[in-house]
């Protein structure tokens, strides 16, 4: 496992700041999509707009 972590760290270190930002943005939106999918599974009664609002709120009001 440490080898994989070391490889990942090396990849991130080799990225430019712009590439790191782009990767972070993609990760954020992927997480939002996963949250929306989870909400759809557990709350099929919610509309698409409600799903998107709840997912947004989860990220907007996230705590440590």
N, C-alpha and C. Protein backbone atom coordinates (compact mmCIF):
# COMPACT_ATOMS: atom_id res chain seq x y z
N UNK A 1 0.83 -1.20 0.00
CA UNK A 1 0.00 0.00 0.00
C UNK A 1 0.86 1.25 0.00
N UNK A 2 1.96 1.24 0.74
CA UNK A 2 2.83 2.41 0.76
C UNK A 2 3.39 2.72 -0.61
N UNK A 3 3.66 1.68 -1.39
CA UNK A 3 4.19 1.89 -2.73
C UNK A 3 3.18 2.66 -3.59
N UNK A 4 1.91 2.29 -3.47
CA UNK A 4 0.87 2.99 -4.24
C UNK A 4 0.76 4.44 -3.78
N UNK A 5 0.82 4.67 -2.48
CA UNK A 5 0.76 6.04 -1.96
C UNK A 5 1.96 6.85 -2.43
N UNK A 6 3.13 6.24 -2.42
CA UNK A 6 4.33 6.93 -2.88
C UNK A 6 4.21 7.29 -4.36
N UNK A 7 3.68 6.37 -5.13
CA UNK A 7 3.50 6.63 -6.56
C UNK A 7 2.51 7.77 -6.77
N UNK A 8 1.43 7.77 -6.01
CA UNK A 8 0.43 8.83 -6.15
C UNK A 8 1.03 10.18 -5.76
N UNK A 9 1.79 10.21 -4.69
CA UNK A 9 2.46 11.46 -4.28
C UNK A 9 3.39 11.97 -5.37
N UNK A 10 4.13 11.06 -5.98
CA UNK A 10 5.05 11.45 -7.05
C UNK A 10 4.28 12.04 -8.24
N UNK A 11 3.15 11.44 -8.54
CA UNK A 11 2.33 11.96 -9.64
C UNK A 11 1.85 13.38 -9.33
N UNK A 12 1.35 13.59 -8.10
CA UNK A 12 0.88 14.92 -7.73
C UNK A 12 2.01 15.95 -7.71
N UNK A 13 3.17 15.55 -7.23
CA UNK A 13 4.31 16.48 -7.20
C UNK A 13 4.75 16.88 -8.61
N UNK A 14 4.57 15.99 -9.56
CA UNK A 14 4.98 16.27 -10.94
C UNK A 14 3.98 17.16 -11.67
N UNK A 15 2.80 17.32 -11.11
CA UNK A 15 1.78 18.14 -11.76
C UNK A 15 2.06 19.63 -11.56
N UNK A 16 1.62 20.39 -12.52
CA UNK A 16 1.68 21.84 -12.36
C UNK A 16 0.54 22.26 -11.43
N UNK A 17 0.61 23.45 -10.87
CA UNK A 17 -0.51 23.91 -10.03
C UNK A 17 -1.84 23.89 -10.79
N UNK A 18 -1.82 24.24 -12.06
CA UNK A 18 -3.04 24.22 -12.86
C UNK A 18 -3.58 22.79 -12.98
N UNK A 19 -2.71 21.82 -13.19
CA UNK A 19 -3.14 20.43 -13.29
C UNK A 19 -3.72 19.94 -11.97
N UNK A 20 -3.11 20.33 -10.85
CA UNK A 20 -3.62 19.95 -9.54
C UNK A 20 -5.00 20.55 -9.29
N UNK A 21 -5.16 21.81 -9.67
CA UNK A 21 -6.46 22.45 -9.52
C UNK A 21 -7.50 21.74 -10.36
N UNK A 22 -7.16 21.42 -11.59
CA UNK A 22 -8.09 20.72 -12.48
C UNK A 22 -8.47 19.36 -11.89
N UNK A 23 -7.51 18.63 -11.33
CA UNK A 23 -7.78 17.34 -10.71
C UNK A 23 -8.71 17.51 -9.50
N UNK A 24 -8.48 18.54 -8.71
CA UNK A 24 -9.33 18.79 -7.54
C UNK A 24 -10.76 19.13 -7.96
N UNK A 25 -10.90 19.92 -9.01
CA UNK A 25 -12.24 20.28 -9.50
C UNK A 25 -12.97 19.02 -10.00
N UNK A 26 -12.27 18.19 -10.73
CA UNK A 26 -12.89 16.94 -11.22
C UNK A 26 -13.31 16.05 -10.04
N UNK A 27 -12.45 15.97 -9.03
CA UNK A 27 -12.77 15.16 -7.85
C UNK A 27 -14.01 15.70 -7.14
N UNK A 28 -14.09 17.02 -7.00
CA UNK A 28 -15.24 17.65 -6.37
C UNK A 28 -16.53 17.29 -7.10
N UNK A 29 -16.54 17.46 -8.42
CA UNK A 29 -17.76 17.19 -9.18
C UNK A 29 -18.10 15.70 -9.21
N UNK A 30 -17.09 14.85 -9.19
CA UNK A 30 -17.35 13.41 -9.10
C UNK A 30 -18.00 13.08 -7.76
N UNK A 31 -17.52 13.71 -6.70
CA UNK A 31 -18.12 13.48 -5.38
C UNK A 31 -19.56 13.98 -5.35
N UNK A 32 -19.83 15.10 -5.98
CA UNK A 32 -21.20 15.62 -6.04
C UNK A 32 -22.10 14.63 -6.78
N UNK A 33 -21.62 14.08 -7.89
CA UNK A 33 -22.41 13.11 -8.64
C UNK A 33 -22.70 11.86 -7.81
N UNK A 34 -21.71 11.40 -7.06
CA UNK A 34 -21.91 10.23 -6.20
C UNK A 34 -22.92 10.53 -5.11
N UNK A 35 -22.86 11.73 -4.53
CA UNK A 35 -23.82 12.12 -3.50
C UNK A 35 -25.23 12.16 -4.09
N UNK A 36 -25.37 12.71 -5.27
CA UNK A 36 -26.68 12.75 -5.93
C UNK A 36 -27.20 11.34 -6.17
N UNK A 37 -26.35 10.45 -6.62
CA UNK A 37 -26.76 9.06 -6.86
C UNK A 37 -27.21 8.40 -5.56
N UNK A 38 -26.49 8.65 -4.49
CA UNK A 38 -26.86 8.10 -3.19
C UNK A 38 -28.22 8.65 -2.74
N UNK A 39 -28.41 9.94 -2.88
CA UNK A 39 -29.68 10.54 -2.49
C UNK A 39 -30.83 9.97 -3.32
N UNK A 40 -30.61 9.74 -4.61
CA UNK A 40 -31.66 9.17 -5.46
C UNK A 40 -32.02 7.75 -5.00
N UNK A 41 -31.01 7.00 -4.57
CA UNK A 41 -31.24 5.63 -4.10
C UNK A 41 -32.06 5.62 -2.82
N UNK A 42 -31.66 6.46 -1.87
CA UNK A 42 -32.31 6.44 -0.57
C UNK A 42 -33.56 7.31 -0.48
N UNK A 43 -33.75 8.21 -1.43
CA UNK A 43 -34.91 9.11 -1.43
C UNK A 43 -35.51 9.22 -2.83
N UNK A 44 -36.07 8.13 -3.34
CA UNK A 44 -36.61 8.16 -4.70
C UNK A 44 -37.79 9.13 -4.86
N UNK A 45 -38.36 9.55 -3.76
CA UNK A 45 -39.51 10.46 -3.83
C UNK A 45 -39.10 11.90 -4.15
N UNK A 46 -37.81 12.22 -4.02
CA UNK A 46 -37.35 13.59 -4.25
C UNK A 46 -37.23 13.90 -5.74
N UNK A 47 -37.53 15.13 -6.10
CA UNK A 47 -37.38 15.57 -7.49
C UNK A 47 -35.89 15.79 -7.79
N UNK A 48 -35.59 15.93 -9.06
CA UNK A 48 -34.20 16.17 -9.46
C UNK A 48 -33.67 17.47 -8.85
N UNK A 49 -34.52 18.49 -8.82
CA UNK A 49 -34.11 19.77 -8.24
C UNK A 49 -33.83 19.63 -6.74
N UNK A 50 -34.66 18.84 -6.05
CA UNK A 50 -34.43 18.62 -4.61
C UNK A 50 -33.14 17.83 -4.37
N UNK A 51 -32.89 16.85 -5.22
CA UNK A 51 -31.65 16.06 -5.11
C UNK A 51 -30.45 16.97 -5.26
N UNK A 52 -30.45 17.78 -6.30
CA UNK A 52 -29.33 18.68 -6.55
C UNK A 52 -29.15 19.68 -5.40
N UNK A 53 -30.25 20.19 -4.87
CA UNK A 53 -30.17 21.15 -3.76
C UNK A 53 -29.60 20.48 -2.51
N UNK A 54 -30.04 19.27 -2.22
CA UNK A 54 -29.52 18.57 -1.03
C UNK A 54 -28.04 18.23 -1.19
N UNK A 55 -27.64 17.80 -2.37
CA UNK A 55 -26.23 17.49 -2.61
C UNK A 55 -25.39 18.76 -2.46
N UNK A 56 -25.87 19.85 -3.04
CA UNK A 56 -25.17 21.13 -2.92
C UNK A 56 -25.02 21.52 -1.45
N UNK A 57 -26.10 21.37 -0.69
CA UNK A 57 -26.06 21.74 0.71
C UNK A 57 -25.09 20.87 1.51
N UNK A 58 -24.99 19.59 1.16
CA UNK A 58 -24.05 18.71 1.85
C UNK A 58 -22.62 19.23 1.71
N UNK A 59 -22.30 19.72 0.55
CA UNK A 59 -20.94 20.23 0.32
C UNK A 59 -20.78 21.65 0.83
N UNK A 60 -21.82 22.43 0.74
CA UNK A 60 -21.77 23.82 1.18
C UNK A 60 -21.60 23.91 2.69
N UNK A 61 -22.29 23.03 3.41
CA UNK A 61 -22.28 23.09 4.87
C UNK A 61 -21.46 21.97 5.49
N UNK A 62 -20.53 21.39 4.75
CA UNK A 62 -19.70 20.29 5.27
C UNK A 62 -18.84 20.79 6.42
N UNK A 63 -18.68 19.93 7.38
CA UNK A 63 -17.84 20.20 8.56
C UNK A 63 -16.70 19.19 8.59
N UNK A 64 -15.71 19.52 9.35
CA UNK A 64 -14.58 18.59 9.55
C UNK A 64 -15.03 17.31 10.22
